[in-house]
Protein backbone atom coordinates (compact mmCIF):
# COMPACT_ATOMS: atom_id res chain seq x y z
CA MET A 1 0.00 0.00 0.00
CA PRO A 2 1.52 3.40 -0.94
CA LYS A 3 2.18 5.98 1.75
CA GLY A 4 -0.72 8.22 2.66
CA THR A 5 -3.37 5.58 1.92
CA GLY A 6 -5.59 3.84 4.41
CA LYS A 7 -8.55 4.87 6.54
CA VAL A 8 -7.98 8.61 7.02
CA LEU A 9 -8.84 9.70 10.57
CA ALA A 10 -7.66 13.32 10.62
CA GLN A 11 -6.29 15.83 8.12
CA ASN A 12 -4.46 19.10 8.55
CA LYS A 13 -5.95 21.14 5.70
CA LYS A 14 -4.42 24.36 7.00
CA ALA A 15 -0.91 22.98 6.43
CA GLY A 16 -1.43 23.05 2.66
CA PHE A 17 -2.56 26.65 2.91
CA ASP A 18 0.29 27.85 5.16
CA TYR A 19 3.21 25.87 3.66
CA TYR A 20 4.67 24.69 0.38
CA ILE A 21 5.01 20.95 1.08
CA GLU A 22 8.20 19.73 -0.59
CA GLU A 23 8.59 16.21 0.79
CA THR A 24 6.37 13.74 2.65
CA ILE A 25 7.35 10.90 4.96
CA GLU A 26 5.22 8.21 6.60
CA ALA A 27 5.91 7.79 10.31
CA GLY A 28 4.60 5.46 12.97
CA ILE A 29 3.47 6.90 16.28
CA VAL A 30 3.81 5.58 19.84
CA LEU A 31 0.40 5.50 21.54
CA ASN A 32 -0.71 4.35 25.00
CA GLY A 33 -3.54 1.90 25.65
CA THR A 34 -6.66 4.04 25.44
CA GLU A 35 -5.17 6.44 22.87
CA ILE A 36 -5.38 3.93 20.03
CA LYS A 37 -9.06 3.31 20.84
CA SER A 38 -9.78 7.04 20.59
CA VAL A 39 -7.77 7.24 17.37
CA ARG A 40 -9.76 4.40 15.80
CA LYS A 41 -12.96 6.31 16.63
CA GLY A 42 -11.51 9.34 14.80
CA LYS A 43 -11.18 11.58 17.88
CA VAL A 44 -7.92 13.18 16.67
CA GLN A 45 -7.12 16.78 15.83
CA LEU A 46 -3.93 17.84 14.02
CA LYS A 47 -4.82 21.53 13.63
CA ASP A 48 -2.09 23.24 15.70
CA SER A 49 0.36 20.37 15.99
CA PHE A 50 4.03 20.48 15.00
CA ILE A 51 7.04 18.18 15.03
CA LEU A 52 10.28 18.71 16.92
CA ILE A 53 13.55 16.82 16.75
CA ARG A 54 15.26 16.45 20.12
CA LYS A 55 18.26 14.26 20.96
CA GLY A 56 18.01 12.33 17.71
CA GLU A 57 14.29 11.52 18.13
CA ALA A 58 11.20 12.99 16.48
CA TRP A 59 8.33 14.16 18.71
CA ILE A 60 4.89 15.54 17.88
CA SER A 61 3.45 18.27 20.09
CA ASN A 62 -0.06 19.74 20.41
CA MET A 63 -1.77 16.80 18.71
CA HIS A 64 -5.08 16.41 20.51
CA ILE A 65 -6.42 12.88 21.08
CA SER A 66 -9.64 12.96 23.09
CA PRO A 67 -9.86 10.75 26.19
CA TYR A 68 -11.57 7.41 25.64
CA GLU A 69 -15.10 7.36 27.15
CA GLN A 70 -14.76 3.93 28.79
CA GLY A 71 -11.14 4.54 29.83
CA ASN A 72 -11.81 5.57 33.49
CA ILE A 73 -8.48 5.88 35.40
CA PHE A 74 -6.40 4.60 32.49
CA ASN A 75 -7.08 7.64 30.30
CA HIS A 76 -4.22 9.74 29.01
CA ASP A 77 -3.39 13.45 28.78
CA PRO A 78 -4.96 14.66 25.50
CA LEU A 79 -2.07 16.98 24.54
CA ARG A 80 0.94 14.97 25.68
CA VAL A 81 4.07 14.90 23.53
CA ARG A 82 4.21 11.66 21.51
CA LYS A 83 7.19 9.95 19.93
CA LEU A 84 7.33 9.30 16.18
CA LEU A 85 8.88 6.15 14.76
CA LEU A 86 11.31 6.98 11.96
CA HIS A 87 14.62 5.60 10.73
CA LYS A 88 17.73 7.32 12.05
CA LYS A 89 18.73 8.49 8.56
CA GLN A 90 15.29 10.05 8.04
CA ILE A 91 15.53 11.92 11.34
CA MET A 92 19.02 13.20 10.54
CA GLN A 93 17.92 14.36 7.08
CA LEU A 94 14.87 16.13 8.53
CA ASN A 95 17.06 17.80 11.14
CA VAL A 96 19.39 19.14 8.41
CA ASP A 97 16.43 20.35 6.33
CA VAL A 98 14.76 22.13 9.25
CA LYS A 99 17.88 24.13 9.98
CA ARG A 100 17.50 25.83 6.59
CA ASP A 101 15.70 29.16 6.70
CA GLY A 102 11.89 29.02 6.77
CA TYR A 103 11.46 25.22 6.83
CA THR A 104 9.42 23.26 9.34
CA ILE A 105 7.96 19.78 9.76
CA VAL A 106 4.16 19.60 9.89
CA PRO A 107 1.77 16.66 10.21
CA LEU A 108 -0.50 16.35 7.17
CA LYS A 109 -2.82 13.46 7.99
CA MET A 110 -3.30 10.52 10.31
CA TYR A 111 -4.63 7.18 9.09
CA ILE A 112 -4.82 3.48 9.90
CA LYS A 113 -2.70 1.27 7.66
CA ASP A 114 -2.53 -2.51 8.19
CA GLY A 115 -3.88 -2.07 11.73
CA TYR A 116 -1.30 0.53 12.77
CA ALA A 117 -1.76 4.27 13.27
CA LYS A 118 0.44 6.17 10.82
CA LEU A 119 1.17 9.87 10.44
CA LEU A 120 2.03 11.50 7.12
CA ILE A 121 4.44 14.33 7.84
CA GLY A 122 5.66 16.93 5.40
CA LEU A 123 8.67 19.18 5.12
CA GLY A 124 7.23 22.58 4.36
CA LYS A 125 8.46 26.08 3.63
CA GLY A 126 6.25 28.85 4.99
CA LYS A 127 4.20 30.91 2.55
CA LYS A 128 4.07 34.68 2.61
CA ASN A 129 0.73 36.50 2.80
CA TYR A 130 0.81 37.45 -0.88
CA ASP A 131 1.32 33.76 -1.80
CA LYS A 132 -1.74 32.83 0.23
CA ARG A 133 -3.81 35.54 -1.47
CA ALA A 134 -2.70 34.33 -4.90
CA ASP A 135 -3.71 30.76 -4.00
CA LEU A 136 -7.13 31.97 -2.87
CA LYS A 137 -7.59 33.86 -6.16
CA LYS A 138 -6.71 30.75 -8.18
CA LYS A 139 -9.11 28.63 -6.12
CA GLU A 140 -11.92 31.17 -6.55
CA ALA A 141 -11.32 31.41 -10.33
CA LYS A 142 -11.43 27.62 -10.63
CA ARG A 143 -14.68 27.52 -8.65
CA GLU A 144 -16.23 30.21 -10.89
CA MET A 145 -15.26 28.27 -14.03
CA GLY A 146 -16.87 25.14 -12.60
CA ARG A 147 -20.07 27.05 -11.84
CA ALA A 148 -20.16 28.54 -15.35
CA LEU A 149 -19.69 25.12 -16.96
CA LYS A 150 -22.37 23.60 -14.75
CA ALA A 151 -24.82 26.39 -15.63
CA LYS A 152 -24.04 26.04 -19.35
CA ASN A 153 -24.59 22.26 -19.27
CA GLN A 154 -27.97 22.58 -17.60
CA TYR A 155 -29.60 24.22 -20.66
């Protein structure tokens, strides 16, 4: 199965708007007992999350996984920092890339693949405000063309 495919549980749509995504990598994620149950129910939010590299390990911060309803005392902290499972060479390459000006690592989507929770992360360069406005104009023009074609085909 190619990377990025599987049952998609959460997507970070804002990442595509705020960054030029140059490279994507599939990473595993270390989850505690009740976290995987919440993930399978789709109670994940990637909106404000980001990835840090500390001491040769990749960590994801601010990813919100809601507590499991039947978890009682075994529930977890929803915003805890979670470890990502990557090869050492991938982590070193990401660390080198992030040190360049304007680059960051952002999570793009979370999905279940072969029974395991996976995270698609992307190396992105931040967009300027004028780039974002240009993207919005292109999107609006495309939408208008679609509307015009649909109206023309109705008659």
